[in-house]
Amino acid sequence: MKKRFEKIIPPIIESEGLVFKKVEVEKKDGKIALTVTIDKKDGKVDVNDCSKISKLIDPIIEEEDFFDGESYLLIVSSPGS
């Protein structure tokens, strides 16, 4: 599953002028947590960047049904957070 995310997510992030760093999928308290880490070439990632990427990625996760209908938590963050 992680490889599918690593194939689909980076082009979306890069299309917004940001840098894909990593994706992690893990279970936290019985729920699936998907953490996507982004960065900027020049400057710092802010909450608006994270929000924008979250809004772009979330519909794709739903459409592709990555988690077979299970609920999940999508976290988009920067390396420094």
C-alpha atoms as a PDB file:
ATOM      1  CA  MET A   1       0.000   0.000   0.000  1.00  0.00           C
ATOM      2  CA  LYS A   2       2.790   2.438   0.868  1.00  0.00           C
ATOM      3  CA  LYS A   3       4.243   2.000  -2.621  1.00  0.00           C
ATOM      4  CA  ARG A   4       0.869   2.946  -4.156  1.00  0.00           C
ATOM      5  CA  PHE A   5       0.863   6.150  -2.127  1.00  0.00           C
ATOM      6  CA  GLU A   6       4.470   6.877  -3.064  1.00  0.00           C
ATOM      7  CA  LYS A   7       3.487   6.570  -6.714  1.00  0.00           C
ATOM      8  CA  ILE A   8       0.323   8.708  -6.613  1.00  0.00           C
ATOM      9  CA  ILE A   9       0.992  11.396  -3.981  1.00  0.00           C
ATOM     10  CA  PRO A  10       4.347  12.975  -5.036  1.00  0.00           C
ATOM     11  CA  PRO A  11       3.137  14.319  -8.422  1.00  0.00           C
ATOM     12  CA  ILE A  12       0.221  16.057  -6.690  1.00  0.00           C
ATOM     13  CA  ILE A  13       2.524  17.678  -4.155  1.00  0.00           C
ATOM     14  CA  GLU A  14       5.088  18.673  -6.774  1.00  0.00           C
ATOM     15  CA  SER A  15       2.372  20.213  -8.967  1.00  0.00           C
ATOM     16  CA  GLU A  16       1.813  22.694  -6.133  1.00  0.00           C
ATOM     17  CA  GLY A  17       5.509  23.680  -6.028  1.00  0.00           C
ATOM     18  CA  LEU A  18       6.207  21.651  -2.886  1.00  0.00           C
ATOM     19  CA  VAL A  19       8.537  18.729  -2.188  1.00  0.00           C
ATOM     20  CA  PHE A  20       7.358  15.254  -1.181  1.00  0.00           C
ATOM     21  CA  LYS A  21       9.458  13.879   1.692  1.00  0.00           C
ATOM     22  CA  LYS A  22       7.749  10.694   2.868  1.00  0.00           C
ATOM     23  CA  VAL A  23       4.513   8.874   3.588  1.00  0.00           C
ATOM     24  CA  GLU A  24       3.803   6.654   6.575  1.00  0.00           C
ATOM     25  CA  VAL A  25       0.824   4.379   7.123  1.00  0.00           C
ATOM     26  CA  GLU A  26       0.264   3.030  10.610  1.00  0.00           C
ATOM     27  CA  LYS A  27      -2.427   2.020  13.050  1.00  0.00           C
ATOM     28  CA  LYS A  28      -2.916   4.399  15.977  1.00  0.00           C
ATOM     29  CA  ASP A  29      -5.421   3.486  18.662  1.00  0.00           C
ATOM     30  CA  GLY A  30      -7.080   1.057  16.266  1.00  0.00           C
ATOM     31  CA  LYS A  31      -7.413   3.644  13.489  1.00  0.00           C
ATOM     32  CA  ILE A  32      -5.423   4.062  10.305  1.00  0.00           C
ATOM     33  CA  ALA A  33      -3.168   7.129  10.246  1.00  0.00           C
ATOM     34  CA  LEU A  34      -1.714   8.299   6.946  1.00  0.00           C
ATOM     35  CA  THR A  35       1.024  10.865   7.473  1.00  0.00           C
ATOM     36  CA  VAL A  36       2.364  12.742   4.452  1.00  0.00           C
ATOM     37  CA  THR A  37       5.434  14.907   5.006  1.00  0.00           C
ATOM     38  CA  ILE A  38       6.025  17.831   2.643  1.00  0.00           C
ATOM     39  CA  ASP A  39       8.662  20.542   2.374  1.00  0.00           C
ATOM     40  CA  LYS A  40       9.506  23.641   0.342  1.00  0.00           C
ATOM     41  CA  LYS A  41      12.645  24.280  -1.635  1.00  0.00           C
ATOM     42  CA  ASP A  42      12.706  27.908  -0.508  1.00  0.00           C
ATOM     43  CA  GLY A  43      11.016  28.777   2.747  1.00  0.00           C
ATOM     44  CA  LYS A  44       8.977  26.995   5.342  1.00  0.00           C
ATOM     45  CA  VAL A  45       5.838  24.938   4.941  1.00  0.00           C
ATOM     46  CA  ASP A  46       2.887  26.663   6.584  1.00  0.00           C
ATOM     47  CA  VAL A  47      -0.574  25.551   7.617  1.00  0.00           C
ATOM     48  CA  ASN A  48      -2.019  26.765   4.299  1.00  0.00           C
ATOM     49  CA  ASP A  49       0.347  24.466   2.373  1.00  0.00           C
ATOM     50  CA  CYS A  50      -0.655  21.490   4.527  1.00  0.00           C
ATOM     51  CA  SER A  51      -4.341  22.295   4.165  1.00  0.00           C
ATOM     52  CA  LYS A  52      -4.089  22.647   0.379  1.00  0.00           C
ATOM     53  CA  ILE A  53      -2.308  19.300  -0.009  1.00  0.00           C
ATOM     54  CA  SER A  54      -4.754  17.596   2.330  1.00  0.00           C
ATOM     55  CA  LYS A  55      -7.693  18.838   0.247  1.00  0.00           C
ATOM     56  CA  LEU A  56      -6.039  17.566  -2.940  1.00  0.00           C
ATOM     57  CA  ILE A  57      -5.029  14.149  -1.594  1.00  0.00           C
ATOM     58  CA  ASP A  58      -8.128  13.236   0.424  1.00  0.00           C
ATOM     59  CA  PRO A  59     -10.514  12.842  -2.552  1.00  0.00           C
ATOM     60  CA  ILE A  60      -7.995  10.599  -4.297  1.00  0.00           C
ATOM     61  CA  ILE A  61      -7.724   8.355  -1.235  1.00  0.00           C
ATOM     62  CA  GLU A  62     -11.511   8.104  -1.185  1.00  0.00           C
ATOM     63  CA  GLU A  63     -11.782   7.484  -4.931  1.00  0.00           C
ATOM     64  CA  GLU A  64      -9.073   4.809  -4.937  1.00  0.00           C
ATOM     65  CA  ASP A  65     -10.524   3.254  -1.741  1.00  0.00           C
ATOM     66  CA  PHE A  66      -7.055   2.676  -0.318  1.00  0.00           C
ATOM     67  CA  PHE A  67      -8.414   1.525   3.038  1.00  0.00           C
ATOM     68  CA  ASP A  68     -11.335  -0.655   1.877  1.00  0.00           C
ATOM     69  CA  GLY A  69     -13.940   1.625   3.392  1.00  0.00           C
ATOM     70  CA  GLU A  70     -12.214   1.876   6.788  1.00  0.00           C
ATOM     71  CA  SER A  71     -12.023   5.314   8.334  1.00  0.00           C
ATOM     72  CA  TYR A  72      -8.621   6.956   8.425  1.00  0.00           C
ATOM     73  CA  LEU A  73      -6.863  10.062   9.629  1.00  0.00           C
ATOM     74  CA  LEU A  74      -4.920  12.066   7.041  1.00  0.00           C
ATOM     75  CA  ILE A  75      -2.067  14.117   8.471  1.00  0.00           C
ATOM     76  CA  VAL A  76      -0.057  16.456   6.244  1.00  0.00           C
ATOM     77  CA  SER A  77       2.957  17.968   7.967  1.00  0.00           C
ATOM     78  CA  SER A  78       6.424  19.415   7.474  1.00  0.00           C
ATOM     79  CA  PRO A  79       9.733  17.828   8.538  1.00  0.00           C
ATOM     80  CA  GLY A  80       9.993  20.330  11.378  1.00  0.00           C
ATOM     81  CA  SER A  81       6.582  19.616  12.912  1.00  0.00           C
END
